[in-house]
Amino acid sequence: MKRIILADDHEVVRAGLRDALVHIEPDIEVLEADSLDAALKLGDEDEVALVLLDLNMPGMDGVGGVERMLAKRPEVPVAVVSGSVRRRDMASVMAVGAAGFLPKSMKLDAMASAVRLLLAGERYLPYEFMAEESGRERPDGGLTPRELEILEAIGEGKPNKQIARELEIEEVTVKLHATNLFRKLEVSNRTEAAMKGRELGLI
């Protein structure tokens, strides 16, 4: 059983997130809290696979709350779920060691994909963070370093199983990254991704 701590002071928000989480895998249990202090007390004797914290709930004190949770659970990925999409907030939480930043405005399927990556030990940031504030396209297409690695492997015609073996990650994680990079490059399959990658000089 994988346990996820979900901490948010708005019951309606928790309900929506909980519905998204329980459909990711059949063996997920969601432990809920409405404040940081309550979240810190959850799951002391149980294995916790992931912690999701609202950035602005009681007790958080901004990134200070993230640091407190990381200090209590140094081996567990801690991610922030927030109504804010300000680059400053994203940069701050990642700088103190958070595993990801998930805007509450994400669609449920995108939220589920992000959580799957976090559970697989990967990091997650929304595309908005990866793009330049000026709106110009980045030279890396807004892709993360891992996504660039996978795009290069796709360009070389390598199957997911081989990519997973070479990068020492699970095949399902490769598929999740591929889905994200397809969305960012605005393509629908591996062939189009390879072509777009070459056009942009990414591979």
C-alpha atoms as a PDB file:
ATOM      1  CA  MET A   1       0.000   0.000   0.000  1.00  0.00           C
ATOM      2  CA  LYS A   2       1.409   3.384  -1.055  1.00  0.00           C
ATOM      3  CA  ARG A   3       0.394   6.169   1.285  1.00  0.00           C
ATOM      4  CA  ILE A   4       0.248   9.775   0.120  1.00  0.00           C
ATOM      5  CA  ILE A   5      -0.096  12.617   2.602  1.00  0.00           C
ATOM      6  CA  LEU A   6      -2.353  15.306   1.152  1.00  0.00           C
ATOM      7  CA  ALA A   7      -2.395  18.523   3.160  1.00  0.00           C
ATOM      8  CA  ASP A   8      -4.683  21.410   2.192  1.00  0.00           C
ATOM      9  CA  ASP A   9      -6.943  23.558   4.366  1.00  0.00           C
ATOM     10  CA  HIS A  10      -9.771  23.593   1.817  1.00  0.00           C
ATOM     11  CA  GLU A  11     -11.925  20.463   2.036  1.00  0.00           C
ATOM     12  CA  VAL A  12     -13.284  20.870  -1.497  1.00  0.00           C
ATOM     13  CA  VAL A  13      -9.756  21.065  -2.928  1.00  0.00           C
ATOM     14  CA  ARG A  14      -8.705  17.990  -0.956  1.00  0.00           C
ATOM     15  CA  ALA A  15     -11.713  16.079  -2.258  1.00  0.00           C
ATOM     16  CA  GLY A  16     -10.851  16.888  -5.875  1.00  0.00           C
ATOM     17  CA  LEU A  17      -7.188  15.976  -5.423  1.00  0.00           C
ATOM     18  CA  ARG A  18      -8.088  12.810  -3.530  1.00  0.00           C
ATOM     19  CA  ASP A  19     -10.315  11.674  -6.387  1.00  0.00           C
ATOM     20  CA  ALA A  20      -7.420  12.162  -8.821  1.00  0.00           C
ATOM     21  CA  LEU A  21      -4.965  10.335  -6.571  1.00  0.00           C
ATOM     22  CA  VAL A  22      -7.004   7.229  -5.833  1.00  0.00           C
ATOM     23  CA  HIS A  23      -7.395   6.518  -9.553  1.00  0.00           C
ATOM     24  CA  ILE A  24      -3.642   6.505 -10.218  1.00  0.00           C
ATOM     25  CA  GLU A  25      -3.003   3.068  -8.737  1.00  0.00           C
ATOM     26  CA  PRO A  26      -5.284   0.619  -6.925  1.00  0.00           C
ATOM     27  CA  ASP A  27      -3.001   0.411  -3.869  1.00  0.00           C
ATOM     28  CA  ILE A  28      -2.881   4.113  -3.001  1.00  0.00           C
ATOM     29  CA  GLU A  29      -4.195   5.360   0.326  1.00  0.00           C
ATOM     30  CA  VAL A  30      -4.593   9.111   0.865  1.00  0.00           C
ATOM     31  CA  LEU A  31      -3.943  10.492   4.350  1.00  0.00           C
ATOM     32  CA  GLU A  32      -5.515  13.948   4.672  1.00  0.00           C
ATOM     33  CA  ALA A  33      -4.605  16.967   6.802  1.00  0.00           C
ATOM     34  CA  ASP A  34      -5.782  20.573   6.940  1.00  0.00           C
ATOM     35  CA  SER A  35      -2.564  22.119   8.293  1.00  0.00           C
ATOM     36  CA  LEU A  36       1.170  21.520   8.302  1.00  0.00           C
ATOM     37  CA  ASP A  37       1.185  20.486  11.964  1.00  0.00           C
ATOM     38  CA  ALA A  38      -1.495  17.881  11.274  1.00  0.00           C
ATOM     39  CA  ALA A  39       0.431  16.626   8.229  1.00  0.00           C
ATOM     40  CA  LEU A  40       3.618  16.259  10.257  1.00  0.00           C
ATOM     41  CA  LYS A  41       1.796  13.889  12.628  1.00  0.00           C
ATOM     42  CA  LEU A  42       0.412  11.622   9.903  1.00  0.00           C
ATOM     43  CA  GLY A  43       1.762   8.231   9.007  1.00  0.00           C
ATOM     44  CA  ASP A  44       4.439   8.044  11.664  1.00  0.00           C
ATOM     45  CA  GLU A  45       4.331   4.257  11.723  1.00  0.00           C
ATOM     46  CA  ASP A  46       3.394   3.767   8.078  1.00  0.00           C
ATOM     47  CA  GLU A  47       5.353   3.898   4.891  1.00  0.00           C
ATOM     48  CA  VAL A  48       4.679   7.212   3.131  1.00  0.00           C
ATOM     49  CA  ALA A  49       5.527   7.367  -0.578  1.00  0.00           C
ATOM     50  CA  LEU A  50       4.783  11.051  -1.239  1.00  0.00           C
ATOM     51  CA  VAL A  51       3.779  14.252   0.545  1.00  0.00           C
ATOM     52  CA  LEU A  52       1.703  16.961  -1.163  1.00  0.00           C
ATOM     53  CA  LEU A  53       1.533  20.298   0.665  1.00  0.00           C
ATOM     54  CA  ASP A  54      -0.587  23.364  -0.023  1.00  0.00           C
ATOM     55  CA  LEU A  55       1.804  26.311  -0.030  1.00  0.00           C
ATOM     56  CA  ASN A  56      -0.555  28.690   1.805  1.00  0.00           C
ATOM     57  CA  MET A  57      -2.293  26.575   4.440  1.00  0.00           C
ATOM     58  CA  PRO A  58      -1.925  27.178   8.208  1.00  0.00           C
ATOM     59  CA  GLY A  59       1.558  26.521   9.571  1.00  0.00           C
ATOM     60  CA  MET A  60       3.379  26.587   6.257  1.00  0.00           C
ATOM     61  CA  ASP A  61       5.171  29.942   6.542  1.00  0.00           C
ATOM     62  CA  GLY A  62       6.032  29.730   2.844  1.00  0.00           C
ATOM     63  CA  VAL A  63       8.956  27.455   2.058  1.00  0.00           C
ATOM     64  CA  GLY A  64       9.600  27.068   5.775  1.00  0.00           C
ATOM     65  CA  GLY A  65       6.866  24.471   5.895  1.00  0.00           C
ATOM     66  CA  VAL A  66       8.441  22.533   3.064  1.00  0.00           C
ATOM     67  CA  GLU A  67      11.748  22.529   4.934  1.00  0.00           C
ATOM     68  CA  ARG A  68      10.068  21.264   8.116  1.00  0.00           C
ATOM     69  CA  MET A  69       8.464  18.365   6.263  1.00  0.00           C
ATOM     70  CA  LEU A  70      11.722  17.518   4.479  1.00  0.00           C
ATOM     71  CA  ALA A  71      13.528  17.509   7.815  1.00  0.00           C
ATOM     72  CA  LYS A  72      10.968  15.035   9.209  1.00  0.00           C
ATOM     73  CA  ARG A  73      10.903  12.834   6.098  1.00  0.00           C
ATOM     74  CA  PRO A  74      14.263  13.282   4.337  1.00  0.00           C
ATOM     75  CA  GLU A  75      13.793  10.143   2.243  1.00  0.00           C
ATOM     76  CA  VAL A  76      10.281  10.975   1.019  1.00  0.00           C
ATOM     77  CA  PRO A  77       9.566  13.234  -1.985  1.00  0.00           C
ATOM     78  CA  VAL A  78       7.729  16.377  -0.916  1.00  0.00           C
ATOM     79  CA  ALA A  79       5.880  18.431  -3.512  1.00  0.00           C
ATOM     80  CA  VAL A  80       3.878  21.636  -3.319  1.00  0.00           C
ATOM     81  CA  VAL A  81       0.334  21.978  -4.629  1.00  0.00           C
ATOM     82  CA  SER A  82      -0.591  25.624  -5.032  1.00  0.00           C
ATOM     83  CA  GLY A  83      -3.048  28.024  -6.588  1.00  0.00           C
ATOM     84  CA  SER A  84      -0.059  30.224  -7.420  1.00  0.00           C
ATOM     85  CA  VAL A  85       1.879  29.790 -10.650  1.00  0.00           C
ATOM     86  CA  ARG A  86       4.421  32.506  -9.895  1.00  0.00           C
ATOM     87  CA  ARG A  87       7.931  31.607 -10.969  1.00  0.00           C
ATOM     88  CA  ARG A  88       9.229  33.046  -7.706  1.00  0.00           C
ATOM     89  CA  ASP A  89       7.179  30.573  -5.662  1.00  0.00           C
ATOM     90  CA  MET A  90       8.190  27.643  -7.851  1.00  0.00           C
ATOM     91  CA  ALA A  91      11.864  28.559  -7.711  1.00  0.00           C
ATOM     92  CA  SER A  92      11.742  29.001  -3.925  1.00  0.00           C
ATOM     93  CA  VAL A  93      10.229  25.599  -3.150  1.00  0.00           C
ATOM     94  CA  MET A  94      12.535  23.785  -5.566  1.00  0.00           C
ATOM     95  CA  ALA A  95      15.562  25.569  -4.104  1.00  0.00           C
ATOM     96  CA  VAL A  96      14.906  24.112  -0.639  1.00  0.00           C
ATOM     97  CA  GLY A  97      14.645  20.574  -1.994  1.00  0.00           C
ATOM     98  CA  ALA A  98      11.031  20.005  -3.027  1.00  0.00           C
ATOM     99  CA  ALA A  99      10.498  17.274  -5.620  1.00  0.00           C
ATOM    100  CA  GLY A 100       7.905  19.196  -7.571  1.00  0.00           C
ATOM    101  CA  PHE A 101       5.394  21.999  -7.928  1.00  0.00           C
ATOM    102  CA  LEU A 102       1.840  21.216  -9.051  1.00  0.00           C
ATOM    103  CA  PRO A 103      -0.540  24.100  -9.839  1.00  0.00           C
ATOM    104  CA  LYS A 104      -4.114  23.472  -8.669  1.00  0.00           C
ATOM    105  CA  SER A 105      -5.261  24.604 -12.095  1.00  0.00           C
ATOM    106  CA  MET A 106      -3.872  21.415 -13.682  1.00  0.00           C
ATOM    107  CA  LYS A 107      -6.342  19.060 -15.312  1.00  0.00           C
ATOM    108  CA  LEU A 108      -6.871  15.858 -13.361  1.00  0.00           C
ATOM    109  CA  ASP A 109      -5.146  13.650 -15.941  1.00  0.00           C
ATOM    110  CA  ALA A 110      -2.095  15.959 -15.947  1.00  0.00           C
ATOM    111  CA  MET A 111      -2.113  15.962 -12.151  1.00  0.00           C
ATOM    112  CA  ALA A 112      -2.191  12.166 -12.163  1.00  0.00           C
ATOM    113  CA  SER A 113       0.761  12.008 -14.582  1.00  0.00           C
ATOM    114  CA  ALA A 114       2.739  14.410 -12.409  1.00  0.00           C
ATOM    115  CA  VAL A 115       2.060  12.342  -9.285  1.00  0.00           C
ATOM    116  CA  ARG A 116       3.113   9.158 -11.082  1.00  0.00           C
ATOM    117  CA  LEU A 117       6.448  10.786 -11.910  1.00  0.00           C
ATOM    118  CA  LEU A 118       6.916  11.880  -8.306  1.00  0.00           C
ATOM    119  CA  LEU A 119       6.113   8.368  -7.059  1.00  0.00           C
ATOM    120  CA  ALA A 120       8.710   7.031  -9.504  1.00  0.00           C
ATOM    121  CA  GLY A 121      11.347   9.249  -7.895  1.00  0.00           C
ATOM    122  CA  GLU A 122      11.396  11.869 -10.636  1.00  0.00           C
ATOM    123  CA  ARG A 123      10.929  15.629 -10.321  1.00  0.00           C
ATOM    124  CA  TYR A 124       8.039  17.590 -11.795  1.00  0.00           C
ATOM    125  CA  LEU A 125       7.648  21.225 -12.819  1.00  0.00           C
ATOM    126  CA  PRO A 126       4.894  22.715 -14.976  1.00  0.00           C
ATOM    127  CA  TYR A 127       5.693  23.916 -18.460  1.00  0.00           C
ATOM    128  CA  GLU A 128       5.052  27.500 -17.360  1.00  0.00           C
ATOM    129  CA  PHE A 129       8.138  27.341 -15.173  1.00  0.00           C
ATOM    130  CA  MET A 130      10.291  25.954 -17.962  1.00  0.00           C
ATOM    131  CA  ALA A 131       9.319  28.701 -20.415  1.00  0.00           C
ATOM    132  CA  GLU A 132      11.033  32.084 -20.547  1.00  0.00           C
ATOM    133  CA  GLU A 133       9.167  34.918 -18.826  1.00  0.00           C
ATOM    134  CA  SER A 134       9.487  36.878 -22.063  1.00  0.00           C
ATOM    135  CA  GLY A 135       7.438  34.244 -23.858  1.00  0.00           C
ATOM    136  CA  ARG A 136      10.265  33.405 -26.271  1.00  0.00           C
ATOM    137  CA  GLU A 137      10.929  29.732 -26.876  1.00  0.00           C
ATOM    138  CA  ARG A 138      13.838  28.345 -24.924  1.00  0.00           C
ATOM    139  CA  PRO A 139      16.689  26.734 -26.864  1.00  0.00           C
ATOM    140  CA  ASP A 140      15.837  23.465 -25.111  1.00  0.00           C
ATOM    141  CA  GLY A 141      12.170  23.646 -26.086  1.00  0.00           C
ATOM    142  CA  GLY A 142      11.183  23.938 -22.428  1.00  0.00           C
ATOM    143  CA  LEU A 143      12.105  20.291 -21.842  1.00  0.00           C
ATOM    144  CA  THR A 144      13.679  19.082 -18.625  1.00  0.00           C
ATOM    145  CA  PRO A 145      17.130  17.426 -18.762  1.00  0.00           C
ATOM    146  CA  ARG A 146      15.493  13.996 -18.406  1.00  0.00           C
ATOM    147  CA  GLU A 147      13.024  14.732 -21.192  1.00  0.00           C
ATOM    148  CA  LEU A 148      15.894  15.823 -23.434  1.00  0.00           C
ATOM    149  CA  GLU A 149      17.669  12.525 -22.726  1.00  0.00           C
ATOM    150  CA  ILE A 150      14.565  10.584 -23.675  1.00  0.00           C
ATOM    151  CA  LEU A 151      13.951  12.707 -26.773  1.00  0.00           C
ATOM    152  CA  GLU A 152      17.501  12.016 -27.942  1.00  0.00           C
ATOM    153  CA  ALA A 153      16.987   8.287 -27.398  1.00  0.00           C
ATOM    154  CA  ILE A 154      13.684   8.437 -29.307  1.00  0.00           C
ATOM    155  CA  GLY A 155      15.535  10.182 -32.132  1.00  0.00           C
ATOM    156  CA  GLU A 156      17.968   7.270 -32.191  1.00  0.00           C
ATOM    157  CA  GLY A 157      15.055   4.863 -32.576  1.00  0.00           C
ATOM    158  CA  LYS A 158      15.499   3.184 -29.203  1.00  0.00           C
ATOM    159  CA  PRO A 159      12.427   1.430 -27.716  1.00  0.00           C
ATOM    160  CA  ASN A 160      11.140   2.388 -24.275  1.00  0.00           C
ATOM    161  CA  LYS A 161      12.500  -0.771 -22.674  1.00  0.00           C
ATOM    162  CA  GLN A 162      16.045   0.006 -23.851  1.00  0.00           C
ATOM    163  CA  ILE A 163      15.745   3.662 -22.808  1.00  0.00           C
ATOM    164  CA  ALA A 164      14.589   2.604 -19.342  1.00  0.00           C
ATOM    165  CA  ARG A 165      17.502   0.189 -18.991  1.00  0.00           C
ATOM    166  CA  GLU A 166      20.090   2.741 -20.096  1.00  0.00           C
ATOM    167  CA  LEU A 167      18.727   5.513 -17.855  1.00  0.00           C
ATOM    168  CA  GLU A 168      18.125   3.067 -14.979  1.00  0.00           C
ATOM    169  CA  ILE A 169      14.470   4.021 -14.562  1.00  0.00           C
ATOM    170  CA  GLU A 170      11.198   2.130 -14.968  1.00  0.00           C
ATOM    171  CA  GLU A 171       9.683   1.741 -18.434  1.00  0.00           C
ATOM    172  CA  VAL A 172       6.449   3.366 -17.219  1.00  0.00           C
ATOM    173  CA  THR A 173       8.495   6.401 -16.178  1.00  0.00           C
ATOM    174  CA  VAL A 174       9.906   6.661 -19.688  1.00  0.00           C
ATOM    175  CA  LYS A 175       6.357   6.637 -21.051  1.00  0.00           C
ATOM    176  CA  LEU A 176       5.306   9.403 -18.643  1.00  0.00           C
ATOM    177  CA  HIS A 177       8.235  11.594 -19.658  1.00  0.00           C
ATOM    178  CA  ALA A 178       7.507  10.898 -23.320  1.00  0.00           C
ATOM    179  CA  THR A 179       3.889  11.981 -22.854  1.00  0.00           C
ATOM    180  CA  ASN A 180       5.046  15.235 -21.266  1.00  0.00           C
ATOM    181  CA  LEU A 181       7.580  16.019 -23.982  1.00  0.00           C
ATOM    182  CA  PHE A 182       5.019  15.236 -26.705  1.00  0.00           C
ATOM    183  CA  ARG A 183       2.718  17.812 -25.112  1.00  0.00           C
ATOM    184  CA  LYS A 184       5.464  20.415 -24.849  1.00  0.00           C
ATOM    185  CA  LEU A 185       6.589  19.887 -28.446  1.00  0.00           C
ATOM    186  CA  GLU A 186       2.944  19.777 -29.608  1.00  0.00           C
ATOM    187  CA  VAL A 187       3.331  16.431 -31.331  1.00  0.00           C
ATOM    188  CA  SER A 188       1.344  13.207 -31.050  1.00  0.00           C
ATOM    189  CA  ASN A 189       3.858  10.383 -31.520  1.00  0.00           C
ATOM    190  CA  ARG A 190       7.531   9.358 -31.442  1.00  0.00           C
ATOM    191  CA  THR A 191       8.164  10.012 -35.141  1.00  0.00           C
ATOM    192  CA  GLU A 192       6.794  13.553 -34.931  1.00  0.00           C
ATOM    193  CA  ALA A 193       8.768  14.131 -31.729  1.00  0.00           C
ATOM    194  CA  ALA A 194      12.010  13.084 -33.408  1.00  0.00           C
ATOM    195  CA  MET A 195      11.312  15.311 -36.391  1.00  0.00           C
ATOM    196  CA  LYS A 196      10.401  18.290 -34.199  1.00  0.00           C
ATOM    197  CA  GLY A 197      13.476  17.684 -32.045  1.00  0.00           C
ATOM    198  CA  ARG A 198      15.725  17.824 -35.096  1.00  0.00           C
ATOM    199  CA  GLU A 199      13.984  20.965 -36.378  1.00  0.00           C
ATOM    200  CA  LEU A 200      14.641  22.677 -33.050  1.00  0.00           C
ATOM    201  CA  GLY A 201      18.211  21.422 -32.893  1.00  0.00           C
ATOM    202  CA  LEU A 202      17.541  19.433 -29.740  1.00  0.00           C
ATOM    203  CA  ILE A 203      18.848  16.172 -31.201  1.00  0.00           C
END
